[in-house]
Amino acid sequence: MAKKAGLWALAVVLLAAGLTLVGAGLRGPGGPPEPPAWAAAPRPVDHRAPVLPRSAPVRVAVPSIGVAAPLIRLGLDADGSVQVPPGDRPGEAGWYGDGPAPGERGAAVILGHVDSAKGAAVFYDLGRLRPGNRIEVIRADGRVAVFTVESVERVAKDRFPTARVYGPLDHAGLRLVTCGGAFDRAERSYRDNVIVYAAGTSVR
């Protein structure tokens, strides 16, 4: 589990800045693909996958939306705000390394851009995920932590569900987070976040 200060610093950035990853508003006021309202209702899955020791993740794969991306480690900047993946490398995602690693007990958090000046970024299609979809995280120890999506929601940045995203878990969990909703061109930011909640269901 990450230090409490680190978790709250991350939460503050997500809430106040709302994952201010470089956004180009690729689809105008409609924004990127959005999850339907019914996808936000949790559909619990079997949480009995083995809990793994800590090992850094190196890649994330989401077959249903064609994501196969390298992961970099994210920490906190000097001002206490969370780092984000470099804007000039929109095909990468970032793991918040002060929190649990994917496969460990707790909620591992992976952040990714939705778009950039170059076009669609790694998590542009995150809103297309549905409960039951599979996410795989390849770890530095060679193990693959496999997660099953339980719910997908779009939330306004000023209502970011901090406790649900970062709260303690008795199993290995995963959260994928990006921007969503309408693009505010004056603020150069999307107004919402898209959050995927998943639980570890197997290891190979």
N, C-alpha and C. Protein backbone atom coordinates (compact mmCIF):
# COMPACT_ATOMS: atom_id res chain seq x y z
N MET A 1 0.85 -1.19 0.00
CA MET A 1 0.00 0.00 0.00
C MET A 1 0.88 1.23 0.00
N ALA A 2 0.54 2.24 -0.79
CA ALA A 2 1.34 3.46 -0.85
C ALA A 2 1.19 4.24 0.44
N LYS A 3 2.16 5.13 0.68
CA LYS A 3 2.04 6.02 1.81
C LYS A 3 0.79 6.87 1.64
N LYS A 4 0.16 7.17 2.77
CA LYS A 4 -1.09 7.93 2.71
C LYS A 4 -0.90 9.26 2.00
N ALA A 5 0.23 9.94 2.27
CA ALA A 5 0.46 11.24 1.63
C ALA A 5 0.52 11.11 0.13
N GLY A 6 1.15 10.03 -0.34
CA GLY A 6 1.24 9.83 -1.77
C GLY A 6 -0.10 9.60 -2.41
N LEU A 7 -0.93 8.81 -1.75
CA LEU A 7 -2.26 8.53 -2.29
C LEU A 7 -3.09 9.80 -2.36
N TRP A 8 -3.03 10.60 -1.30
CA TRP A 8 -3.84 11.81 -1.31
C TRP A 8 -3.32 12.83 -2.29
N ALA A 9 -1.99 12.87 -2.48
CA ALA A 9 -1.45 13.80 -3.49
C ALA A 9 -1.94 13.40 -4.87
N LEU A 10 -1.93 12.10 -5.14
CA LEU A 10 -2.43 11.62 -6.42
C LEU A 10 -3.91 11.95 -6.58
N ALA A 11 -4.67 11.71 -5.53
CA ALA A 11 -6.10 11.97 -5.60
C ALA A 11 -6.39 13.44 -5.85
N VAL A 12 -5.64 14.31 -5.21
CA VAL A 12 -5.86 15.74 -5.39
C VAL A 12 -5.61 16.13 -6.84
N VAL A 13 -4.55 15.60 -7.43
CA VAL A 13 -4.26 15.94 -8.82
C VAL A 13 -5.37 15.44 -9.73
N LEU A 14 -5.82 14.23 -9.53
CA LEU A 14 -6.88 13.69 -10.37
C LEU A 14 -8.17 14.48 -10.19
N LEU A 15 -8.42 14.92 -8.98
CA LEU A 15 -9.65 15.66 -8.72
C LEU A 15 -9.58 17.08 -9.26
N ALA A 16 -8.49 17.77 -8.93
CA ALA A 16 -8.41 19.19 -9.28
C ALA A 16 -8.00 19.39 -10.73
N ALA A 17 -7.03 18.60 -11.18
CA ALA A 17 -6.54 18.76 -12.55
C ALA A 17 -7.17 17.74 -13.48
N GLY A 18 -7.76 16.70 -12.91
CA GLY A 18 -8.51 15.75 -13.70
C GLY A 18 -7.68 15.06 -14.76
N LEU A 19 -6.51 14.56 -14.36
CA LEU A 19 -5.61 13.95 -15.34
C LEU A 19 -5.40 14.91 -16.50
N THR A 20 -4.77 16.00 -16.23
CA THR A 20 -4.55 17.00 -17.26
C THR A 20 -3.47 16.51 -18.20
N LEU A 21 -3.80 15.46 -18.92
CA LEU A 21 -2.94 14.93 -19.95
C LEU A 21 -3.25 15.70 -21.22
N VAL A 22 -2.25 15.88 -22.04
CA VAL A 22 -2.43 16.71 -23.24
C VAL A 22 -3.65 16.25 -24.01
N GLY A 23 -4.58 17.14 -24.26
CA GLY A 23 -5.81 16.80 -24.96
C GLY A 23 -6.00 17.67 -26.18
N ALA A 24 -6.43 17.06 -27.27
CA ALA A 24 -6.66 17.82 -28.49
C ALA A 24 -8.13 17.92 -28.84
N GLY A 25 -8.98 17.23 -28.08
CA GLY A 25 -10.41 17.27 -28.38
C GLY A 25 -10.69 16.66 -29.75
N LEU A 26 -10.23 15.42 -29.95
CA LEU A 26 -10.26 14.82 -31.28
C LEU A 26 -11.66 14.67 -31.85
N ARG A 27 -12.64 14.49 -31.00
CA ARG A 27 -13.99 14.26 -31.52
C ARG A 27 -14.93 15.40 -31.16
N GLY A 28 -14.35 16.59 -31.03
CA GLY A 28 -15.17 17.76 -30.78
C GLY A 28 -15.87 17.67 -29.44
N PRO A 29 -17.04 18.26 -29.32
CA PRO A 29 -17.72 18.32 -28.02
C PRO A 29 -18.15 16.95 -27.52
N GLY A 30 -18.27 15.96 -28.39
CA GLY A 30 -18.67 14.64 -27.95
C GLY A 30 -17.58 13.89 -27.22
N GLY A 31 -16.33 14.21 -27.48
CA GLY A 31 -15.21 13.57 -26.81
C GLY A 31 -14.97 12.14 -27.27
N PRO A 32 -14.08 11.44 -26.59
CA PRO A 32 -13.76 10.05 -26.92
C PRO A 32 -14.93 9.12 -26.63
N PRO A 33 -14.82 7.84 -27.00
CA PRO A 33 -15.89 6.87 -26.71
C PRO A 33 -16.22 6.86 -25.22
N GLU A 34 -17.50 6.78 -24.91
CA GLU A 34 -17.96 6.83 -23.53
C GLU A 34 -18.61 5.51 -23.12
N PRO A 35 -18.41 5.08 -21.88
CA PRO A 35 -19.10 3.88 -21.43
C PRO A 35 -20.58 4.15 -21.21
N PRO A 36 -21.44 3.19 -21.48
CA PRO A 36 -22.87 3.38 -21.19
C PRO A 36 -23.10 3.39 -19.69
N ALA A 37 -24.20 3.96 -19.27
CA ALA A 37 -24.48 4.08 -17.84
C ALA A 37 -24.53 2.72 -17.15
N TRP A 38 -25.04 1.69 -17.85
CA TRP A 38 -25.17 0.39 -17.20
C TRP A 38 -23.83 -0.22 -16.85
N ALA A 39 -22.75 0.17 -17.54
CA ALA A 39 -21.44 -0.42 -17.29
C ALA A 39 -20.86 0.00 -15.95
N ALA A 40 -21.44 1.05 -15.34
CA ALA A 40 -20.94 1.52 -14.04
C ALA A 40 -21.43 0.66 -12.88
N ALA A 41 -22.44 -0.17 -13.11
CA ALA A 41 -22.94 -1.04 -12.05
C ALA A 41 -21.97 -2.20 -11.87
N PRO A 42 -21.35 -2.34 -10.70
CA PRO A 42 -20.34 -3.39 -10.51
C PRO A 42 -20.89 -4.78 -10.76
N ARG A 43 -20.12 -5.57 -11.48
CA ARG A 43 -20.42 -6.97 -11.70
C ARG A 43 -19.27 -7.77 -11.14
N PRO A 44 -19.33 -8.09 -9.83
CA PRO A 44 -18.19 -8.71 -9.16
C PRO A 44 -17.76 -10.01 -9.83
N VAL A 45 -16.46 -10.24 -9.81
CA VAL A 45 -15.89 -11.47 -10.35
C VAL A 45 -15.17 -12.20 -9.23
N ASP A 46 -14.75 -13.41 -9.50
CA ASP A 46 -14.03 -14.23 -8.53
C ASP A 46 -12.69 -13.58 -8.20
N HIS A 47 -12.47 -13.26 -6.93
CA HIS A 47 -11.25 -12.58 -6.50
C HIS A 47 -10.19 -13.54 -5.98
N ARG A 48 -10.31 -14.81 -6.26
CA ARG A 48 -9.43 -15.78 -5.62
C ARG A 48 -8.13 -16.02 -6.36
N ALA A 49 -7.75 -15.14 -7.27
CA ALA A 49 -6.45 -15.27 -7.93
C ALA A 49 -5.35 -15.12 -6.88
N PRO A 50 -4.23 -15.83 -7.05
CA PRO A 50 -3.13 -15.68 -6.08
C PRO A 50 -2.66 -14.24 -6.00
N VAL A 51 -2.37 -13.80 -4.79
CA VAL A 51 -1.78 -12.47 -4.60
C VAL A 51 -0.27 -12.63 -4.75
N LEU A 52 0.32 -11.82 -5.60
CA LEU A 52 1.74 -11.95 -5.94
C LEU A 52 2.60 -11.01 -5.10
N PRO A 53 3.89 -11.36 -4.94
CA PRO A 53 4.80 -10.40 -4.32
C PRO A 53 5.03 -9.22 -5.26
N ARG A 54 5.61 -8.17 -4.76
CA ARG A 54 5.80 -6.96 -5.55
C ARG A 54 6.80 -7.18 -6.68
N SER A 55 6.43 -6.71 -7.85
CA SER A 55 7.31 -6.69 -9.02
C SER A 55 6.77 -5.63 -9.96
N ALA A 56 7.65 -4.82 -10.49
CA ALA A 56 7.21 -3.71 -11.34
C ALA A 56 6.56 -4.23 -12.62
N PRO A 57 5.48 -3.59 -13.07
CA PRO A 57 4.86 -3.96 -14.34
C PRO A 57 5.64 -3.34 -15.50
N VAL A 58 5.68 -4.04 -16.61
CA VAL A 58 6.43 -3.52 -17.76
C VAL A 58 5.54 -3.27 -18.97
N ARG A 59 4.41 -3.98 -19.08
CA ARG A 59 3.51 -3.77 -20.21
C ARG A 59 2.07 -4.02 -19.77
N VAL A 60 1.13 -3.34 -20.42
CA VAL A 60 -0.29 -3.59 -20.20
C VAL A 60 -0.92 -3.93 -21.54
N ALA A 61 -1.79 -4.93 -21.53
CA ALA A 61 -2.49 -5.35 -22.75
C ALA A 61 -3.98 -5.42 -22.46
N VAL A 62 -4.75 -4.80 -23.36
CA VAL A 62 -6.21 -4.86 -23.27
C VAL A 62 -6.70 -5.30 -24.64
N PRO A 63 -6.80 -6.62 -24.87
CA PRO A 63 -7.07 -7.13 -26.21
C PRO A 63 -8.33 -6.59 -26.87
N SER A 64 -9.39 -6.37 -26.10
CA SER A 64 -10.67 -5.98 -26.70
C SER A 64 -10.64 -4.60 -27.33
N ILE A 65 -9.66 -3.76 -26.94
CA ILE A 65 -9.56 -2.43 -27.55
C ILE A 65 -8.20 -2.23 -28.23
N GLY A 66 -7.47 -3.33 -28.40
CA GLY A 66 -6.23 -3.27 -29.15
C GLY A 66 -5.08 -2.55 -28.47
N VAL A 67 -5.08 -2.52 -27.15
CA VAL A 67 -3.99 -1.86 -26.42
C VAL A 67 -2.91 -2.89 -26.07
N ALA A 68 -1.68 -2.57 -26.39
CA ALA A 68 -0.50 -3.34 -25.98
C ALA A 68 0.60 -2.30 -25.81
N ALA A 69 0.78 -1.83 -24.59
CA ALA A 69 1.60 -0.64 -24.38
C ALA A 69 2.65 -0.86 -23.30
N PRO A 70 3.82 -0.25 -23.48
CA PRO A 70 4.82 -0.27 -22.41
C PRO A 70 4.38 0.60 -21.25
N LEU A 71 4.85 0.25 -20.07
CA LEU A 71 4.54 1.01 -18.86
C LEU A 71 5.80 1.65 -18.30
N ILE A 72 5.66 2.89 -17.89
CA ILE A 72 6.74 3.55 -17.17
C ILE A 72 6.28 3.79 -15.74
N ARG A 73 7.25 3.97 -14.85
CA ARG A 73 6.92 4.21 -13.44
C ARG A 73 6.67 5.69 -13.24
N LEU A 74 5.58 6.01 -12.56
CA LEU A 74 5.24 7.38 -12.21
C LEU A 74 5.38 7.56 -10.71
N GLY A 75 5.87 8.73 -10.32
CA GLY A 75 5.96 9.06 -8.90
C GLY A 75 5.28 10.39 -8.65
N LEU A 76 5.82 11.14 -7.72
CA LEU A 76 5.29 12.44 -7.38
C LEU A 76 6.30 13.51 -7.75
N ASP A 77 5.83 14.63 -8.27
CA ASP A 77 6.69 15.77 -8.54
C ASP A 77 7.01 16.49 -7.23
N ALA A 78 7.91 17.46 -7.32
CA ALA A 78 8.36 18.18 -6.13
C ALA A 78 7.20 18.88 -5.41
N ASP A 79 6.18 19.26 -6.16
CA ASP A 79 5.04 19.94 -5.53
C ASP A 79 4.01 18.98 -4.96
N GLY A 80 4.32 17.68 -5.00
CA GLY A 80 3.41 16.68 -4.46
C GLY A 80 2.39 16.18 -5.43
N SER A 81 2.40 16.67 -6.66
CA SER A 81 1.45 16.20 -7.67
C SER A 81 2.01 14.97 -8.37
N VAL A 82 1.12 14.14 -8.84
CA VAL A 82 1.54 12.92 -9.50
C VAL A 82 2.12 13.25 -10.88
N GLN A 83 3.15 12.50 -11.25
CA GLN A 83 3.68 12.62 -12.60
C GLN A 83 2.69 11.98 -13.57
N VAL A 84 2.75 12.39 -14.83
CA VAL A 84 1.94 11.77 -15.87
C VAL A 84 2.87 11.31 -16.98
N PRO A 85 2.45 10.36 -17.80
CA PRO A 85 3.30 9.92 -18.91
C PRO A 85 3.66 11.10 -19.80
N PRO A 86 4.85 11.09 -20.38
CA PRO A 86 5.27 12.20 -21.24
C PRO A 86 4.29 12.42 -22.38
N GLY A 87 3.97 13.67 -22.63
CA GLY A 87 3.01 13.99 -23.67
C GLY A 87 3.51 13.69 -25.07
N ASP A 88 4.84 13.61 -25.22
CA ASP A 88 5.38 13.32 -26.54
C ASP A 88 5.50 11.83 -26.82
N ARG A 89 5.02 11.00 -25.86
CA ARG A 89 5.02 9.55 -26.06
C ARG A 89 3.63 9.02 -25.75
N PRO A 90 2.63 9.37 -26.57
CA PRO A 90 1.24 9.05 -26.26
C PRO A 90 0.91 7.56 -26.30
N GLY A 91 1.83 6.74 -26.80
CA GLY A 91 1.58 5.30 -26.83
C GLY A 91 1.96 4.60 -25.55
N GLU A 92 2.51 5.32 -24.57
CA GLU A 92 2.89 4.74 -23.30
C GLU A 92 1.83 5.03 -22.24
N ALA A 93 1.76 4.14 -21.26
CA ALA A 93 0.96 4.38 -20.07
C ALA A 93 1.89 4.39 -18.88
N GLY A 94 1.39 4.85 -17.73
CA GLY A 94 2.22 4.94 -16.55
C GLY A 94 1.59 4.28 -15.34
N TRP A 95 2.42 3.56 -14.61
CA TRP A 95 1.98 2.92 -13.35
C TRP A 95 2.39 3.81 -12.19
N TYR A 96 1.45 4.09 -11.29
CA TYR A 96 1.76 4.88 -10.10
C TYR A 96 2.53 3.99 -9.13
N GLY A 97 3.86 4.17 -9.14
CA GLY A 97 4.75 3.24 -8.46
C GLY A 97 4.78 3.35 -6.95
N ASP A 98 4.19 4.39 -6.36
CA ASP A 98 4.11 4.48 -4.91
C ASP A 98 2.92 3.70 -4.36
N GLY A 99 2.11 3.14 -5.24
CA GLY A 99 0.99 2.30 -4.83
C GLY A 99 1.31 0.84 -5.11
N PRO A 100 0.33 -0.04 -4.92
CA PRO A 100 0.56 -1.46 -5.19
C PRO A 100 0.93 -1.72 -6.64
N ALA A 101 1.72 -2.75 -6.85
CA ALA A 101 2.01 -3.22 -8.20
C ALA A 101 0.88 -4.14 -8.65
N PRO A 102 0.58 -4.18 -9.93
CA PRO A 102 -0.45 -5.11 -10.41
C PRO A 102 -0.13 -6.55 -9.99
N GLY A 103 -1.08 -7.18 -9.35
CA GLY A 103 -0.88 -8.53 -8.83
C GLY A 103 -0.70 -8.56 -7.34
N GLU A 104 -0.22 -7.45 -6.76
CA GLU A 104 -0.15 -7.34 -5.31
C GLU A 104 -1.54 -7.10 -4.74
N ARG A 105 -1.68 -7.32 -3.43
CA ARG A 105 -2.94 -6.97 -2.78
C ARG A 105 -3.10 -5.45 -2.79
N GLY A 106 -4.28 -4.98 -3.19
CA GLY A 106 -4.55 -3.56 -3.22
C GLY A 106 -4.89 -3.08 -4.63
N ALA A 107 -5.14 -1.79 -4.74
CA ALA A 107 -5.56 -1.21 -6.01
C ALA A 107 -4.35 -0.62 -6.74
N ALA A 108 -3.89 -1.29 -7.78
CA ALA A 108 -2.84 -0.75 -8.64
C ALA A 108 -3.48 0.24 -9.62
N VAL A 109 -2.80 1.35 -9.87
CA VAL A 109 -3.35 2.40 -10.71
C VAL A 109 -2.47 2.63 -11.92
N ILE A 110 -3.07 2.59 -13.10
CA ILE A 110 -2.37 2.86 -14.35
C ILE A 110 -3.05 4.05 -15.04
N LEU A 111 -2.27 5.05 -15.38
CA LEU A 111 -2.77 6.26 -16.01
C LEU A 111 -2.34 6.31 -17.47
N GLY A 112 -3.18 6.85 -18.32
CA GLY A 112 -2.81 6.98 -19.72
C GLY A 112 -3.51 8.16 -20.36
N HIS A 113 -2.84 8.75 -21.35
CA HIS A 113 -3.44 9.84 -22.11
C HIS A 113 -4.60 9.33 -22.96
N VAL A 114 -5.57 10.19 -23.19
CA VAL A 114 -6.68 9.86 -24.08
C VAL A 114 -6.36 10.29 -25.51
N ASP A 115 -5.71 11.43 -25.66
CA ASP A 115 -5.26 11.86 -26.97
C ASP A 115 -4.13 12.85 -26.81
N SER A 116 -3.60 13.30 -27.93
CA SER A 116 -2.51 14.27 -27.92
C SER A 116 -2.54 15.01 -29.24
N ALA A 117 -1.61 15.91 -29.41
CA ALA A 117 -1.53 16.64 -30.67
C ALA A 117 -1.26 15.72 -31.85
N LYS A 118 -0.77 14.51 -31.55
CA LYS A 118 -0.46 13.54 -32.61
C LYS A 118 -1.65 12.67 -32.98
N GLY A 119 -2.70 12.74 -32.20
CA GLY A 119 -3.87 11.91 -32.47
C GLY A 119 -4.27 11.10 -31.26
N ALA A 120 -5.01 10.01 -31.48
CA ALA A 120 -5.47 9.17 -30.39
C ALA A 120 -4.29 8.61 -29.61
N ALA A 121 -4.41 8.60 -28.29
CA ALA A 121 -3.36 8.07 -27.43
C ALA A 121 -3.76 6.70 -26.89
N VAL A 122 -2.93 6.18 -25.99
CA VAL A 122 -3.03 4.78 -25.56
C VAL A 122 -4.41 4.42 -25.00
N PHE A 123 -5.04 5.32 -24.25
CA PHE A 123 -6.32 4.99 -23.61
C PHE A 123 -7.50 5.69 -24.28
N TYR A 124 -7.37 6.05 -25.53
CA TYR A 124 -8.47 6.72 -26.22
C TYR A 124 -9.75 5.90 -26.19
N ASP A 125 -9.64 4.58 -26.36
CA ASP A 125 -10.83 3.72 -26.43
C ASP A 125 -11.19 3.08 -25.09
N LEU A 126 -10.67 3.59 -24.00
CA LEU A 126 -10.95 2.98 -22.70
C LEU A 126 -12.45 2.92 -22.42
N GLY A 127 -13.20 3.90 -22.88
CA GLY A 127 -14.64 3.92 -22.66
C GLY A 127 -15.39 2.81 -23.37
N ARG A 128 -14.73 2.09 -24.26
CA ARG A 128 -15.36 0.95 -24.94
C ARG A 128 -15.31 -0.33 -24.11
N LEU A 129 -14.54 -0.33 -23.04
CA LEU A 129 -14.46 -1.54 -22.22
C LEU A 129 -15.78 -1.80 -21.52
N ARG A 130 -16.05 -3.08 -21.28
CA ARG A 130 -17.27 -3.50 -20.63
C ARG A 130 -16.95 -4.54 -19.55
N PRO A 131 -17.82 -4.69 -18.55
CA PRO A 131 -17.61 -5.74 -17.57
C PRO A 131 -17.41 -7.09 -18.25
N GLY A 132 -16.43 -7.83 -17.76
CA GLY A 132 -16.09 -9.12 -18.34
C GLY A 132 -14.90 -9.09 -19.27
N ASN A 133 -14.51 -7.90 -19.76
CA ASN A 133 -13.32 -7.80 -20.60
C ASN A 133 -12.06 -8.10 -19.80
N ARG A 134 -11.02 -8.52 -20.49
CA ARG A 134 -9.79 -8.94 -19.86
C ARG A 134 -8.69 -7.89 -20.00
N ILE A 135 -7.90 -7.73 -18.95
CA ILE A 135 -6.72 -6.88 -18.96
C ILE A 135 -5.55 -7.73 -18.47
N GLU A 136 -4.43 -7.65 -19.14
CA GLU A 136 -3.24 -8.39 -18.73
C GLU A 136 -2.10 -7.42 -18.46
N VAL A 137 -1.39 -7.66 -17.38
CA VAL A 137 -0.22 -6.85 -17.05
C VAL A 137 0.98 -7.77 -16.94
N ILE A 138 1.96 -7.52 -17.78
CA ILE A 138 3.20 -8.30 -17.77
C ILE A 138 4.15 -7.63 -16.80
N ARG A 139 4.71 -8.43 -15.89
CA ARG A 139 5.55 -7.91 -14.82
C ARG A 139 7.02 -8.22 -15.07
N ALA A 140 7.89 -7.51 -14.37
CA ALA A 140 9.33 -7.69 -14.53
C ALA A 140 9.78 -9.08 -14.11
N ASP A 141 9.02 -9.74 -13.23
CA ASP A 141 9.41 -11.09 -12.80
C ASP A 141 8.95 -12.17 -13.77
N GLY A 142 8.36 -11.77 -14.89
CA GLY A 142 7.92 -12.73 -15.90
C GLY A 142 6.51 -13.23 -15.71
N ARG A 143 5.88 -12.91 -14.59
CA ARG A 143 4.51 -13.33 -14.36
C ARG A 143 3.56 -12.38 -15.09
N VAL A 144 2.40 -12.90 -15.45
CA VAL A 144 1.35 -12.10 -16.08
C VAL A 144 0.14 -12.10 -15.14
N ALA A 145 -0.19 -10.92 -14.63
CA ALA A 145 -1.38 -10.77 -13.78
C ALA A 145 -2.57 -10.48 -14.69
N VAL A 146 -3.58 -11.33 -14.60
CA VAL A 146 -4.75 -11.22 -15.46
C VAL A 146 -5.91 -10.68 -14.62
N PHE A 147 -6.55 -9.63 -15.14
CA PHE A 147 -7.66 -8.98 -14.45
C PHE A 147 -8.91 -9.04 -15.31
N THR A 148 -10.06 -9.05 -14.66
CA THR A 148 -11.34 -8.99 -15.34
C THR A 148 -12.07 -7.72 -14.93
N VAL A 149 -12.56 -7.00 -15.92
CA VAL A 149 -13.25 -5.73 -15.66
C VAL A 149 -14.55 -5.99 -14.90
N GLU A 150 -14.74 -5.24 -13.83
CA GLU A 150 -15.98 -5.31 -13.05
C GLU A 150 -16.93 -4.16 -13.39
N SER A 151 -16.39 -2.99 -13.66
CA SER A 151 -17.23 -1.85 -14.02
C SER A 151 -16.41 -0.79 -14.73
N VAL A 152 -17.11 0.07 -15.46
CA VAL A 152 -16.48 1.18 -16.18
C VAL A 152 -17.39 2.38 -16.00
N GLU A 153 -16.82 3.51 -15.58
CA GLU A 153 -17.67 4.67 -15.37
C GLU A 153 -17.00 5.95 -15.87
N ARG A 154 -17.85 6.91 -16.21
CA ARG A 154 -17.39 8.26 -16.51
C ARG A 154 -17.90 9.17 -15.41
N VAL A 155 -16.99 9.92 -14.81
CA VAL A 155 -17.37 10.78 -13.69
C VAL A 155 -16.80 12.18 -13.92
N ALA A 156 -17.54 13.18 -13.47
CA ALA A 156 -17.04 14.54 -13.52
C ALA A 156 -15.81 14.66 -12.63
N LYS A 157 -14.86 15.46 -13.07
CA LYS A 157 -13.61 15.57 -12.32
C LYS A 157 -13.83 16.14 -10.92
N ASP A 158 -14.86 16.94 -10.73
CA ASP A 158 -15.10 17.48 -9.40
C ASP A 158 -15.86 16.50 -8.51
N ARG A 159 -16.15 15.30 -9.03
CA ARG A 159 -16.77 14.25 -8.22
C ARG A 159 -15.94 12.97 -8.28
N PHE A 160 -14.64 13.13 -8.43
CA PHE A 160 -13.76 11.97 -8.55
C PHE A 160 -13.91 11.05 -7.33
N PRO A 161 -14.16 9.73 -7.54
CA PRO A 161 -14.43 8.81 -6.43
C PRO A 161 -13.15 8.30 -5.78
N THR A 162 -12.51 9.19 -5.02
CA THR A 162 -11.20 8.88 -4.43
C THR A 162 -11.20 7.58 -3.64
N ALA A 163 -12.16 7.41 -2.75
CA ALA A 163 -12.16 6.22 -1.89
C ALA A 163 -12.31 4.94 -2.70
N ARG A 164 -13.14 4.99 -3.73
CA ARG A 164 -13.35 3.78 -4.53
C ARG A 164 -12.12 3.43 -5.36
N VAL A 165 -11.44 4.45 -5.84
CA VAL A 165 -10.26 4.20 -6.68
C VAL A 165 -9.07 3.77 -5.84
N TYR A 166 -8.84 4.44 -4.70
CA TYR A 166 -7.62 4.22 -3.93
C TYR A 166 -7.82 3.49 -2.62
N GLY A 167 -9.07 3.17 -2.27
CA GLY A 167 -9.32 2.52 -1.00
C GLY A 167 -8.71 1.13 -0.93
N PRO A 168 -8.53 0.62 0.30
CA PRO A 168 -7.92 -0.70 0.48
C PRO A 168 -8.78 -1.82 -0.09
N LEU A 169 -8.11 -2.88 -0.54
CA LEU A 169 -8.77 -4.06 -1.06
C LEU A 169 -8.20 -5.30 -0.39
N ASP A 170 -9.00 -6.36 -0.33
CA ASP A 170 -8.49 -7.62 0.21
C ASP A 170 -8.02 -8.56 -0.89
N HIS A 171 -7.89 -8.03 -2.10
CA HIS A 171 -7.47 -8.83 -3.25
C HIS A 171 -6.67 -7.93 -4.19
N ALA A 172 -6.15 -8.50 -5.24
CA ALA A 172 -5.42 -7.72 -6.24
C ALA A 172 -6.42 -7.02 -7.16
N GLY A 173 -6.34 -5.71 -7.19
CA GLY A 173 -7.24 -4.93 -8.04
C GLY A 173 -6.45 -4.05 -8.99
N LEU A 174 -7.13 -3.52 -9.98
CA LEU A 174 -6.50 -2.66 -10.97
C LEU A 174 -7.47 -1.56 -11.36
N ARG A 175 -6.97 -0.35 -11.51
CA ARG A 175 -7.75 0.77 -12.02
C ARG A 175 -7.00 1.39 -13.19
N LEU A 176 -7.69 1.56 -14.30
CA LEU A 176 -7.17 2.29 -15.44
C LEU A 176 -7.90 3.61 -15.50
N VAL A 177 -7.16 4.71 -15.66
CA VAL A 177 -7.77 6.03 -15.58
C VAL A 177 -7.29 6.89 -16.74
N THR A 178 -8.23 7.59 -17.35
CA THR A 178 -7.90 8.56 -18.39
C THR A 178 -8.92 9.69 -18.36
N CYS A 179 -8.84 10.59 -19.31
CA CYS A 179 -9.82 11.68 -19.41
C CYS A 179 -11.00 11.25 -20.29
N GLY A 180 -12.10 11.98 -20.19
CA GLY A 180 -13.27 11.66 -20.99
C GLY A 180 -14.27 12.80 -20.97
N GLY A 181 -15.40 12.54 -21.56
CA GLY A 181 -16.44 13.55 -21.62
C GLY A 181 -16.14 14.61 -22.66
N ALA A 182 -16.80 15.75 -22.51
CA ALA A 182 -16.61 16.84 -23.46
C ALA A 182 -15.27 17.54 -23.22
N PHE A 183 -14.73 18.08 -24.28
CA PHE A 183 -13.45 18.79 -24.21
C PHE A 183 -13.70 20.28 -24.05
N ASP A 184 -13.15 20.85 -23.00
CA ASP A 184 -13.27 22.29 -22.73
C ASP A 184 -12.09 22.98 -23.40
N ARG A 185 -12.35 23.60 -24.53
CA ARG A 185 -11.25 24.21 -25.29
C ARG A 185 -10.64 25.40 -24.58
N ALA A 186 -11.42 26.10 -23.77
CA ALA A 186 -10.87 27.23 -23.02
C ALA A 186 -9.86 26.75 -21.97
N GLU A 187 -10.18 25.61 -21.33
CA GLU A 187 -9.31 25.07 -20.29
C GLU A 187 -8.29 24.09 -20.83
N ARG A 188 -8.43 23.71 -22.10
CA ARG A 188 -7.57 22.70 -22.72
C ARG A 188 -7.58 21.41 -21.91
N SER A 189 -8.76 20.97 -21.54
CA SER A 189 -8.89 19.79 -20.70
C SER A 189 -10.25 19.15 -20.90
N TYR A 190 -10.31 17.83 -20.79
CA TYR A 190 -11.59 17.14 -20.76
C TYR A 190 -12.24 17.35 -19.40
N ARG A 191 -13.55 17.33 -19.38
CA ARG A 191 -14.28 17.66 -18.17
C ARG A 191 -14.45 16.49 -17.21
N ASP A 192 -14.29 15.28 -17.72
CA ASP A 192 -14.55 14.09 -16.92
C ASP A 192 -13.34 13.16 -16.91
N ASN A 193 -13.47 12.10 -16.12
CA ASN A 193 -12.54 10.98 -16.15
C ASN A 193 -13.30 9.71 -16.49
N VAL A 194 -12.65 8.82 -17.21
CA VAL A 194 -13.15 7.47 -17.43
C VAL A 194 -12.28 6.54 -16.58
N ILE A 195 -12.95 5.73 -15.77
CA ILE A 195 -12.26 4.86 -14.83
C ILE A 195 -12.72 3.42 -15.04
N VAL A 196 -11.77 2.53 -15.17
CA VAL A 196 -12.05 1.10 -15.29
C VAL A 196 -11.64 0.43 -13.98
N TYR A 197 -12.55 -0.34 -13.40
CA TYR A 197 -12.28 -1.10 -12.18
C TYR A 197 -12.19 -2.57 -12.54
N ALA A 198 -11.11 -3.22 -12.13
CA ALA A 198 -10.93 -4.63 -12.47
C ALA A 198 -10.37 -5.38 -11.26
N ALA A 199 -10.57 -6.68 -11.24
CA ALA A 199 -10.07 -7.53 -10.17
C ALA A 199 -9.21 -8.64 -10.75
N GLY A 200 -8.17 -9.02 -10.01
CA GLY A 200 -7.31 -10.11 -10.45
C GLY A 200 -8.05 -11.44 -10.44
N THR A 201 -8.01 -12.13 -11.57
CA THR A 201 -8.74 -13.40 -11.66
C THR A 201 -7.84 -14.60 -11.98
N SER A 202 -6.61 -14.36 -12.42
CA SER A 202 -5.68 -15.46 -12.64
C SER A 202 -4.27 -14.93 -12.78
N VAL A 203 -3.32 -15.85 -12.72
CA VAL A 203 -1.92 -15.52 -12.89
C VAL A 203 -1.30 -16.60 -13.77
N ARG A 204 -0.44 -16.18 -14.68
CA ARG A 204 0.28 -17.21 -15.45
C ARG A 204 1.74 -16.83 -15.65
